[in-house]
C-alpha atoms as a PDB file:
ATOM      1  CA  UNK A   1      85.847  25.648 -65.030  1.00  0.00           C
ATOM      2  CA  UNK A   2      86.326  26.018 -68.790  1.00  0.00           C
ATOM      3  CA  UNK A   3      87.192  23.341 -71.318  1.00  0.00           C
ATOM      4  CA  UNK A   4      90.668  24.888 -71.579  1.00  0.00           C
ATOM      5  CA  UNK A   5      91.133  24.317 -67.836  1.00  0.00           C
ATOM      6  CA  UNK A   6      90.215  20.671 -68.299  1.00  0.00           C
ATOM      7  CA  UNK A   7      92.385  19.798 -71.299  1.00  0.00           C
ATOM      8  CA  UNK A   8      94.057  16.446 -70.681  1.00  0.00           C
ATOM      9  CA  UNK A   9      97.734  15.806 -70.231  1.00  0.00           C
ATOM     10  CA  UNK A  10      99.009  14.212 -73.457  1.00  0.00           C
ATOM     11  CA  UNK A  11     101.324  11.857 -71.604  1.00  0.00           C
ATOM     12  CA  UNK A  12      98.467  10.499 -69.525  1.00  0.00           C
ATOM     13  CA  UNK A  13      95.713  10.136 -72.122  1.00  0.00           C
ATOM     14  CA  UNK A  14      97.328   9.974 -75.525  1.00  0.00           C
ATOM     15  CA  UNK A  15      99.317   6.859 -74.683  1.00  0.00           C
ATOM     16  CA  UNK A  16      96.583   4.869 -72.937  1.00  0.00           C
ATOM     17  CA  UNK A  17      95.276   3.217 -76.072  1.00  0.00           C
ATOM     18  CA  UNK A  18      91.733   3.547 -74.726  1.00  0.00           C
ATOM     19  CA  UNK A  19      89.174   4.843 -77.263  1.00  0.00           C
ATOM     20  CA  UNK A  20      87.651   7.098 -74.603  1.00  0.00           C
ATOM     21  CA  UNK A  21      89.032   8.784 -71.490  1.00  0.00           C
ATOM     22  CA  UNK A  22      86.659  10.364 -68.979  1.00  0.00           C
ATOM     23  CA  UNK A  23      87.495  12.406 -65.901  1.00  0.00           C
ATOM     24  CA  UNK A  24      85.097  13.341 -63.141  1.00  0.00           C
ATOM     25  CA  UNK A  25      86.070  16.641 -61.556  1.00  0.00           C
ATOM     26  CA  UNK A  26      84.865  17.299 -58.008  1.00  0.00           C
ATOM     27  CA  UNK A  27      85.214  20.609 -56.246  1.00  0.00           C
ATOM     28  CA  UNK A  28      83.894  21.818 -52.923  1.00  0.00           C
ATOM     29  CA  UNK A  29      83.158  25.532 -52.641  1.00  0.00           C
ATOM     30  CA  UNK A  30      81.676  27.056 -49.518  1.00  0.00           C
ATOM     31  CA  UNK A  31      80.452  23.651 -48.365  1.00  0.00           C
ATOM     32  CA  UNK A  32      78.731  22.761 -51.667  1.00  0.00           C
ATOM     33  CA  UNK A  33      80.033  19.933 -53.856  1.00  0.00           C
ATOM     34  CA  UNK A  34      80.165  20.679 -57.590  1.00  0.00           C
ATOM     35  CA  UNK A  35      80.976  18.207 -60.335  1.00  0.00           C
ATOM     36  CA  UNK A  36      81.707  18.203 -64.045  1.00  0.00           C
ATOM     37  CA  UNK A  37      82.847  15.629 -66.570  1.00  0.00           C
ATOM     38  CA  UNK A  38      85.454  15.863 -69.313  1.00  0.00           C
ATOM     39  CA  UNK A  39      85.990  13.320 -72.106  1.00  0.00           C
ATOM     40  CA  UNK A  40      88.690  12.933 -74.726  1.00  0.00           C
ATOM     41  CA  UNK A  41      89.692  10.513 -77.446  1.00  0.00           C
ATOM     42  CA  UNK A  42      93.323   9.917 -78.349  1.00  0.00           C
ATOM     43  CA  UNK A  43      94.494  11.072 -81.784  1.00  0.00           C
ATOM     44  CA  UNK A  44      94.699   8.583 -84.626  1.00  0.00           C
ATOM     45  CA  UNK A  45      97.952   6.622 -84.782  1.00  0.00           C
ATOM     46  CA  UNK A  46      98.635   8.268 -88.139  1.00  0.00           C
ATOM     47  CA  UNK A  47      98.572  11.796 -86.620  1.00  0.00           C
ATOM     48  CA  UNK A  48      99.744  11.745 -82.978  1.00  0.00           C
ATOM     49  CA  UNK A  49     100.726  15.418 -83.184  1.00  0.00           C
ATOM     50  CA  UNK A  50      97.024  16.357 -83.235  1.00  0.00           C
ATOM     51  CA  UNK A  51      96.726  15.603 -79.539  1.00  0.00           C
ATOM     52  CA  UNK A  52      93.622  14.448 -77.728  1.00  0.00           C
ATOM     53  CA  UNK A  53      90.261  15.457 -79.142  1.00  0.00           C
ATOM     54  CA  UNK A  54      87.608  16.682 -76.678  1.00  0.00           C
ATOM     55  CA  UNK A  55      84.322  14.774 -76.863  1.00  0.00           C
ATOM     56  CA  UNK A  56      80.813  15.919 -76.068  1.00  0.00           C
ATOM     57  CA  UNK A  57      79.064  13.873 -73.401  1.00  0.00           C
ATOM     58  CA  UNK A  58      75.294  13.552 -73.603  1.00  0.00           C
ATOM     59  CA  UNK A  59      73.076  11.905 -71.053  1.00  0.00           C
ATOM     60  CA  UNK A  60      69.464  10.880 -71.454  1.00  0.00           C
ATOM     61  CA  UNK A  61      67.309  10.406 -68.414  1.00  0.00           C
ATOM     62  CA  UNK A  62      63.994   8.634 -68.482  1.00  0.00           C
ATOM     63  CA  UNK A  63      61.401   8.483 -65.771  1.00  0.00           C
ATOM     64  CA  UNK A  64      60.878   5.172 -64.089  1.00  0.00           C
ATOM     65  CA  UNK A  65      57.382   4.093 -63.587  1.00  0.00           C
END
């Protein structure tokens, strides 16, 4: 799945007012579950025509012990 496939619907995300919108995509292929995340921020109020901006998600994992 490419980032173009996961671009948000403006009517859903642009009007939420939330500073961050995240979607978890789940897909089962041949019995295996795959997942990916997509994140977007709404455009500034001064430029709504810009649409939602994709955001990079970064996760840090530390070992417990």
